[in-house]
Amino acid sequence: MRYSLLDLAPVPEGTDIPHALKNSAELARHAERLGYHRYWLAEHHNMPGIASAATAVLIGHIASQTSTIRVGAGGIMLPNHAPYMVAEAFGTLASLYGDRIDLGLGRAPGTDMATARALRRGLSQQDSFPQDVIDLIGFLSPEDPEARVRAFPGQGTNVPVWILGSSLYGAQLAAHLGLPYAFASHFAPSALADALDVYRRSFKPSVFLSKPHAMMAINVFAANSDTEGVRLRTTMQLAFARLRRGMPGKLPAPVDDITAHLDPVTLENVNAALHVSAVGGPDTVRARLAEIIARYQPDEVILTGQIHDHRARMRSFEIAAGILRDF
């Protein structure tokens, strides 16, 4: 099974954005050595703890720092962008780095509504996502001399397009278009089983895929012991709780006792959202990953994990790679 890595270029408390971007480049090189298949970056805006807002720019930097791993977007939030400009950006990346670039597309804005309005001057309530996806694929497809509007760079690069989602909507669209599908189970797992079922049952073979290909996201907080892994996870629990309260900030340091920082209801809600996680020492993480994969039967997994200490994050993905090589 292929295993990949999703990075949000986290900015830990006590550091800054240049530090975070340097860490992402180092992590990407580390992931390549460890056998990770893809290194994806996600578009988020107005979040002090995430440095991957200019996703295409950062993809180019990461691709320049690596040589074999696929690098892409997990994803580009398409409602924020004109499909034509996305095609030009990713056509440029493909022209620079060849067949190593992926383009995952999301339907959400990746931010709050005030920031969405700043991103999209003249915000429309109309959902044009399906047509925007089709238009974007057309701009990346083989050259059509009859087309009045063509993307240069872009046309003929055939950058692989994925549909991202956390509900049945994305599953249905990916199945209808015959595209690969990635589910955001690392923070919104409730519809995971239903979405995978809909995608697989409804899939229509296409020029892109002859059969469905589904990837699911899994949080991993792996360490030398269960106690250490549980402590690493508290960073993401705190960050997620703050985001839910409308108070995003830099990535908080871990704490010894999460119950001293989050009330029982908040903690229960956070843990439900982060349910698809493997936490602990190597044996515990191995057992949990095996359980998740056996249950959902993904074609591929993509791992993530917001960990405050960069070295601990590097070690967590190293442990996970050692486990997944055997799957």
Protein backbone atom coordinates (compact mmCIF):
# COMPACT_ATOMS: atom_id res chain seq x y z
CA MET A 1 0.00 0.00 0.00
CA ARG A 2 1.24 3.46 -0.86
CA TYR A 3 1.55 5.84 2.07
CA SER A 4 1.74 9.60 1.68
CA LEU A 5 2.08 12.69 3.87
CA LEU A 6 -0.13 15.77 4.28
CA ASP A 7 1.58 18.92 5.60
CA LEU A 8 0.01 22.22 6.65
CA ALA A 9 3.43 23.83 7.25
CA PRO A 10 2.56 24.36 10.94
CA VAL A 11 3.93 27.39 12.78
CA PRO A 12 4.59 26.30 16.39
CA GLU A 13 4.35 28.76 19.27
CA GLY A 14 7.71 30.41 19.78
CA THR A 15 8.63 30.26 16.08
CA ASP A 16 7.78 32.12 12.88
CA ILE A 17 6.75 31.43 9.29
CA PRO A 18 10.28 31.25 7.81
CA HIS A 19 11.08 28.63 10.46
CA ALA A 20 7.95 26.66 9.53
CA LEU A 21 8.77 26.70 5.81
CA LYS A 22 12.31 25.51 6.51
CA ASN A 23 10.85 22.67 8.60
CA SER A 24 8.51 21.63 5.77
CA ALA A 25 11.37 21.39 3.30
CA GLU A 26 13.36 19.25 5.74
CA LEU A 27 10.33 17.05 6.41
CA ALA A 28 9.75 16.57 2.68
CA ARG A 29 13.32 15.39 2.15
CA HIS A 30 12.92 13.08 5.15
CA ALA A 31 9.63 11.71 3.76
CA GLU A 32 11.26 11.02 0.40
CA ARG A 33 14.01 8.99 2.07
CA LEU A 34 11.39 7.09 4.08
CA GLY A 35 9.47 5.96 0.98
CA TYR A 36 6.44 8.26 1.18
CA HIS A 37 4.73 8.39 -2.22
CA ARG A 38 3.23 11.89 -2.11
CA TYR A 39 3.85 15.07 -0.15
CA TRP A 40 0.74 17.21 -0.20
CA LEU A 41 0.20 20.72 1.14
CA ALA A 42 -3.15 22.24 2.07
CA GLU A 43 -4.59 25.69 1.42
CA HIS A 44 -5.82 27.54 4.50
CA HIS A 45 -6.14 31.28 5.07
CA ASN A 46 -6.12 33.73 7.98
CA MET A 47 -4.62 31.11 10.31
CA PRO A 48 -1.47 32.17 12.19
CA GLY A 49 -0.47 28.54 12.74
CA ILE A 50 -0.52 27.47 9.07
CA ALA A 51 2.04 28.69 6.52
CA SER A 52 0.76 26.91 3.40
CA ALA A 53 -1.71 29.57 2.23
CA ALA A 54 0.12 30.21 -1.08
CA THR A 55 -0.04 26.50 -1.79
CA ALA A 56 1.22 26.44 -5.38
CA VAL A 57 4.22 28.56 -4.43
CA LEU A 58 5.12 26.23 -1.59
CA ILE A 59 4.61 23.15 -3.78
CA GLY A 60 7.22 24.57 -6.15
CA HIS A 61 9.66 25.07 -3.29
CA ILE A 62 9.13 21.55 -1.93
CA ALA A 63 9.48 20.04 -5.40
CA SER A 64 12.78 21.90 -5.81
CA GLN A 65 14.03 20.40 -2.54
CA THR A 66 13.20 16.80 -3.54
CA SER A 67 13.74 14.60 -6.57
CA THR A 68 11.41 11.58 -6.64
CA ILE A 69 8.45 12.07 -4.28
CA ARG A 70 5.22 13.36 -5.84
CA VAL A 71 4.34 16.85 -4.59
CA GLY A 72 0.90 18.36 -4.75
CA ALA A 73 -2.10 20.09 -3.25
CA GLY A 74 -4.34 18.47 -0.71
CA GLY A 75 -5.81 20.71 -1.69
CA ILE A 76 -6.44 23.85 -3.65
CA MET A 77 -9.77 25.33 -2.54
CA LEU A 78 -11.20 25.88 -6.00
CA PRO A 79 -13.97 28.37 -5.05
CA ASN A 80 -11.15 30.80 -4.16
CA HIS A 81 -9.60 30.72 -7.63
CA ALA A 82 -10.34 31.00 -11.32
CA PRO A 83 -9.84 27.52 -12.83
CA TYR A 84 -7.82 29.05 -15.65
CA MET A 85 -5.27 30.55 -13.23
CA VAL A 86 -5.00 27.25 -11.33
CA ALA A 87 -4.29 25.52 -14.64
CA GLU A 88 -1.54 28.03 -15.43
CA ALA A 89 0.02 27.63 -11.98
CA PHE A 90 -0.01 23.84 -11.99
CA GLY A 91 0.91 23.70 -15.66
CA THR A 92 3.98 25.74 -14.73
CA LEU A 93 4.80 23.36 -11.87
CA ALA A 94 4.43 20.35 -14.17
CA SER A 95 6.64 22.03 -16.78
CA LEU A 96 9.31 22.56 -14.14
CA TYR A 97 9.10 19.24 -12.29
CA GLY A 98 7.60 16.80 -14.78
CA ASP A 99 5.23 14.05 -13.75
CA ARG A 100 5.60 14.64 -10.02
CA ILE A 101 2.78 17.15 -9.49
CA ASP A 102 -0.71 16.34 -8.12
CA LEU A 103 -3.71 18.64 -7.94
CA GLY A 104 -6.28 17.91 -5.26
CA LEU A 105 -9.37 20.14 -5.38
CA GLY A 106 -11.62 21.09 -2.49
CA ARG A 107 -15.00 22.78 -2.46
CA ALA A 108 -14.72 24.62 0.89
CA PRO A 109 -13.08 28.06 1.19
CA GLY A 110 -10.50 26.88 3.73
CA THR A 111 -11.21 29.82 6.02
CA ASP A 112 -13.91 31.97 7.62
CA MET A 113 -16.48 33.86 5.55
CA ALA A 114 -14.93 37.29 6.08
CA THR A 115 -11.63 36.02 4.67
CA ALA A 116 -13.49 34.19 1.89
CA ARG A 117 -14.93 37.54 0.83
CA ALA A 118 -11.42 39.02 0.81
CA LEU A 119 -10.24 36.13 -1.35
CA ARG A 120 -13.17 36.26 -3.75
CA ARG A 121 -14.04 39.84 -4.63
CA GLY A 122 -17.68 39.75 -5.71
CA LEU A 123 -18.48 36.54 -3.81
CA SER A 124 -21.24 34.49 -5.45
CA GLN A 125 -23.53 32.10 -3.65
CA GLN A 126 -23.79 29.91 -6.73
CA ASP A 127 -22.09 26.52 -6.48
CA SER A 128 -20.03 26.23 -9.65
CA PHE A 129 -17.61 23.62 -8.30
CA PRO A 130 -18.51 20.76 -10.68
CA GLN A 131 -18.25 22.95 -13.77
CA ASP A 132 -15.07 24.58 -12.46
CA VAL A 133 -13.49 21.13 -12.07
CA ILE A 134 -14.47 20.19 -15.63
CA ASP A 135 -13.13 23.49 -16.97
CA LEU A 136 -9.86 23.08 -15.09
CA ILE A 137 -9.36 19.53 -16.37
CA GLY A 138 -9.97 20.84 -19.88
CA PHE A 139 -7.25 23.47 -19.50
CA LEU A 140 -4.77 20.74 -18.46
CA SER A 141 -5.83 18.20 -21.09
CA PRO A 142 -4.16 17.42 -24.44
CA GLU A 143 -3.89 20.31 -26.85
CA ASP A 144 -7.08 21.33 -28.61
CA PRO A 145 -6.22 23.75 -31.45
CA GLU A 146 -9.92 24.60 -31.84
CA ALA A 147 -10.28 25.87 -28.26
CA ARG A 148 -10.61 29.64 -28.05
CA VAL A 149 -9.05 29.75 -24.57
CA ARG A 150 -6.01 27.63 -23.79
CA ALA A 151 -3.68 27.60 -20.79
CA PHE A 152 0.00 28.20 -21.50
CA PRO A 153 1.57 26.60 -19.47
CA GLY A 154 -1.10 24.03 -18.69
CA GLN A 155 -2.41 22.48 -21.86
CA GLY A 156 -1.06 19.00 -22.41
CA THR A 157 0.51 18.67 -18.95
CA ASN A 158 -2.29 16.32 -17.83
CA VAL A 159 -1.66 17.05 -14.15
CA PRO A 160 -3.59 14.37 -12.21
CA VAL A 161 -6.69 15.87 -10.59
CA TRP A 162 -8.16 14.49 -7.36
CA ILE A 163 -11.44 15.39 -5.69
CA LEU A 164 -11.18 16.00 -1.96
CA GLY A 165 -14.12 15.79 0.39
CA SER A 166 -15.57 15.19 3.83
CA SER A 167 -19.13 14.38 2.74
CA LEU A 168 -21.04 12.48 0.09
CA TYR A 169 -20.91 15.41 -2.34
CA GLY A 170 -17.27 14.99 -3.26
CA ALA A 171 -17.64 11.21 -3.43
CA GLN A 172 -20.48 11.51 -5.93
CA LEU A 173 -18.62 14.03 -8.08
CA ALA A 174 -15.39 12.02 -8.11
CA ALA A 175 -17.32 8.88 -9.04
CA HIS A 176 -19.25 10.66 -11.81
CA LEU A 177 -16.09 12.12 -13.36
CA GLY A 178 -14.02 8.96 -12.88
CA LEU A 179 -11.41 10.74 -10.73
CA PRO A 180 -9.42 9.60 -7.68
CA TYR A 181 -10.95 10.61 -4.36
CA ALA A 182 -9.36 11.63 -1.06
CA PHE A 183 -11.42 11.81 2.14
CA ALA A 184 -10.58 14.24 4.96
CA SER A 185 -11.04 11.64 7.69
CA HIS A 186 -8.32 13.25 9.81
CA PHE A 187 -10.75 15.93 11.00
CA ALA A 188 -14.23 14.98 9.70
CA PRO A 189 -14.64 11.20 9.88
CA SER A 190 -18.39 10.89 10.38
CA ALA A 191 -19.29 10.27 6.71
CA LEU A 192 -16.16 8.27 5.83
CA ALA A 193 -17.74 4.83 5.43
CA ASP A 194 -20.76 6.12 3.52
CA ALA A 195 -18.65 8.30 1.23
CA LEU A 196 -16.29 5.47 0.32
CA ASP A 197 -19.26 3.20 -0.36
CA VAL A 198 -20.96 5.80 -2.60
CA TYR A 199 -17.72 6.47 -4.47
CA ARG A 200 -16.99 2.80 -5.11
CA ARG A 201 -20.56 1.86 -6.07
CA SER A 202 -21.13 4.87 -8.34
CA PHE A 203 -17.73 5.04 -10.01
CA LYS A 204 -17.72 5.45 -13.79
CA PRO A 205 -14.51 4.40 -15.57
CA SER A 206 -12.86 7.28 -17.40
CA VAL A 207 -9.74 8.22 -19.34
CA PHE A 208 -8.21 8.94 -15.93
CA LEU A 209 -9.03 5.74 -14.06
CA SER A 210 -10.41 2.33 -14.98
CA LYS A 211 -11.48 1.61 -11.39
CA PRO A 212 -12.00 3.66 -8.22
CA HIS A 213 -8.99 4.83 -6.25
CA ALA A 214 -9.72 6.12 -2.75
CA MET A 215 -7.28 7.62 -0.28
CA MET A 216 -8.08 8.37 3.36
CA ALA A 217 -6.28 10.66 5.78
CA ILE A 218 -5.09 9.41 9.17
CA ASN A 219 -3.61 11.39 12.04
CA VAL A 220 -0.47 9.80 13.45
CA PHE A 221 1.18 10.68 16.74
CA ALA A 222 3.87 8.04 17.04
CA ALA A 223 6.66 8.08 19.59
CA ASN A 224 8.87 5.72 21.53
CA SER A 225 6.13 5.09 24.12
CA ASP A 226 2.36 5.30 24.44
CA THR A 227 2.68 8.03 27.05
CA GLU A 228 4.81 10.17 24.76
CA GLY A 229 2.47 9.65 21.79
CA VAL A 230 -0.56 10.68 23.86
CA ARG A 231 1.29 13.81 24.97
CA LEU A 232 2.19 14.73 21.37
CA ARG A 233 -1.49 14.51 20.40
CA THR A 234 -2.47 17.18 22.95
CA THR A 235 -1.07 19.83 20.61
CA MET A 236 -3.62 19.00 17.94
CA GLN A 237 -6.42 18.64 20.47
CA LEU A 238 -5.73 22.13 21.80
CA ALA A 239 -5.34 23.62 18.32
CA PHE A 240 -8.57 22.05 17.10
CA ALA A 241 -10.51 23.26 20.15
CA ARG A 242 -9.25 26.80 19.63
CA LEU A 243 -10.17 26.70 15.95
CA ARG A 244 -13.69 25.53 16.82
CA ARG A 245 -14.00 28.51 19.18
CA GLY A 246 -12.96 30.91 16.42
CA MET A 247 -9.58 31.57 17.99
CA PRO A 248 -6.96 30.06 15.68
CA GLY A 249 -3.37 30.67 16.67
CA LYS A 250 0.08 29.23 16.38
CA LEU A 251 0.48 25.53 17.10
CA PRO A 252 0.40 25.12 20.90
CA ALA A 253 2.97 23.21 22.91
CA PRO A 254 1.85 19.81 24.26
CA VAL A 255 0.60 19.43 27.83
CA ASP A 256 0.79 16.59 30.31
CA ASP A 257 -2.92 16.46 31.12
CA ILE A 258 -5.36 17.56 28.42
CA THR A 259 -8.30 17.36 30.84
CA ALA A 260 -6.82 20.27 32.76
CA HIS A 261 -7.09 22.44 29.63
CA LEU A 262 -10.31 21.34 27.90
CA ASP A 263 -13.70 20.78 29.50
CA PRO A 264 -15.26 17.31 29.09
CA VAL A 265 -17.76 18.32 26.38
CA THR A 266 -15.16 20.12 24.28
CA LEU A 267 -12.70 17.26 24.68
CA GLU A 268 -15.35 14.73 23.66
CA ASN A 269 -16.18 16.73 20.52
CA VAL A 270 -12.52 17.19 19.61
CA ASN A 271 -11.75 13.51 20.09
CA ALA A 272 -14.73 12.57 17.91
CA ALA A 273 -13.43 14.81 15.12
CA LEU A 274 -9.92 13.34 15.48
CA HIS A 275 -11.15 9.77 15.85
CA VAL A 276 -9.26 8.47 12.83
CA SER A 277 -5.90 8.63 14.58
CA ALA A 278 -3.09 6.28 15.57
CA VAL A 279 -1.51 7.39 18.84
CA GLY A 280 1.24 5.90 20.98
CA GLY A 281 4.35 3.77 20.74
CA PRO A 282 5.22 1.67 17.69
CA ASP A 283 3.22 -1.42 18.69
CA THR A 284 0.10 0.59 19.53
CA VAL A 285 0.32 2.63 16.33
CA ARG A 286 0.85 -0.53 14.28
CA ALA A 287 -2.27 -2.14 15.73
CA ARG A 288 -4.39 0.97 15.22
CA LEU A 289 -3.24 1.50 11.62
CA ALA A 290 -3.98 -2.13 10.87
CA GLU A 291 -7.46 -1.74 12.37
CA ILE A 292 -8.26 1.41 10.36
CA ILE A 293 -6.98 -0.02 7.07
CA ALA A 294 -8.77 -3.34 7.56
CA ARG A 295 -12.04 -1.55 8.26
CA TYR A 296 -12.06 0.95 5.40
CA GLN A 297 -9.88 -0.81 2.80
CA PRO A 298 -8.38 2.35 1.27
CA ASP A 299 -6.26 2.09 -1.86
CA GLU A 300 -3.82 4.52 -0.30
CA VAL A 301 -3.39 6.36 3.00
CA ILE A 302 -2.13 9.86 3.64
CA LEU A 303 -0.77 10.60 7.10
CA THR A 304 -0.78 13.89 8.93
CA GLY A 305 -0.28 15.08 12.49
CA GLN A 306 0.11 18.53 13.99
CA ILE A 307 3.07 18.10 16.36
CA HIS A 308 4.69 21.07 18.05
CA ASP A 309 8.30 19.85 18.12
CA HIS A 310 9.75 19.45 14.62
CA ARG A 311 12.08 16.61 15.60
CA ALA A 312 9.21 14.74 17.24
CA ARG A 313 7.15 15.22 14.07
CA MET A 314 10.00 13.85 11.94
CA ARG A 315 10.28 10.86 14.28
CA SER A 316 6.52 10.23 14.23
CA PHE A 317 6.44 9.96 10.44
CA GLU A 318 9.57 7.80 10.54
CA ILE A 319 7.93 5.32 12.90
CA ALA A 320 4.77 5.28 10.77
CA ALA A 321 6.74 4.65 7.57
CA GLY A 322 8.52 1.72 9.19
CA ILE A 323 5.16 0.23 10.05
CA LEU A 324 3.43 0.85 6.72
CA ARG A 325 6.24 -0.67 4.68
CA ASP A 326 5.02 -4.02 5.97
CA PHE A 327 1.36 -3.51 4.98
